[in-house]
Amino acid sequence: MGVEKTRLSRRIAALEKRLGVRLLQRTTRALALTEAGQRFFERCVATVDGAQAAYDSVAELRREPAGLVRLSSPVLLTQRCLAHALPAYMTTHPKVSVFVEPTDRTVNVIEERFDIAIRAKPEIEDVAGLVAKTLGTSQRVLVVSPAFLDHYGRPERPADLPRFTTVASTDDIFDDGARWNLMNLETRTQQIQLKPRLVTSDLRTRLQAAIHGIGIALLPEQVVSAPLTEGLIERVLPEWSGARNILHLVYPTPRGMLPSVRSLIDYLLIHVPAWLQERTI
């Protein structure tokens, strides 16, 4: 054991004194465990084995991608992109499990124990303890159904928009009412005050409202690319658009990062930008 007999004897004696029982039966020829000593020894062995098993389980996570990865993502991106991308990742990483929370709120990565969060914002926030990687950009464009334009006409300039019914996001609501900040190709900006007929944070609801002619909506280009191709909606004032959102993922600083988290980050950095590019109009 690498411990001198006298020191070992003192340690055993001290332990017996602390426990108030004898652990060893001593004779001039041999030592034997008492019943209490046998019980104590078995529990100590189990504790050491448990500690070794705990160490081995963590070491296993360090050797290859394995274990649970917690991911937060905007609802529509989850449904349109991750629903197809994640199964392919998990097929090639059979020991990795993924928990996905589709949400359009900004989750607290640290407090809510997420490994990765995907966000879409006009600017990348500088948050202490988090690393941000850009996935791509998304421009918001004005769209509505052809039937709406046939019935109400087509706005010719941004100043015409208040005369039409509109569909707005909750992010478009301010203390002084609803408004859109539009920019043209020459980066000239106009702020348009609105009285929207429908306000919701849900992208799908706003898209369906535009398709059904409820009003003109300002939606991300990746959301409207398919309905535009199908003729369900048309661009309005195509030379004007809303603020460009930066789609990015954030994660805690990579020191001690598990291979499972790193592998999913690397996978998302390849597949999400490709998906965005395919749907840019």
Foldseek 3Di string as FASTA:
>chain_A
DPDDPVVVVVVQVVVCVVVVHHQWDDDPVDIDGDPVVVVVVVVVVVVVVVVVVVVVVVVVLQVAAAEEAEEEEAQVCCVPFVVPQVVVVCVVVVRYHYHYDHHQDDDDCVVVVHQKYKHWALDDDDDPQKDKDFQFKWWWFKKAFPVLCVVPNADPDLQCQQVWAEEEEPVQADPVGGWFWKAFPVRDIDIGHHDHPHYYNDQVVRVVCRLVNVTMYTGTQLVCQVVVVVRSMDTGPRRMTGRMITIMMMGGDCVVPGNNSVSVVVSCSPRSSVSVVVRHD
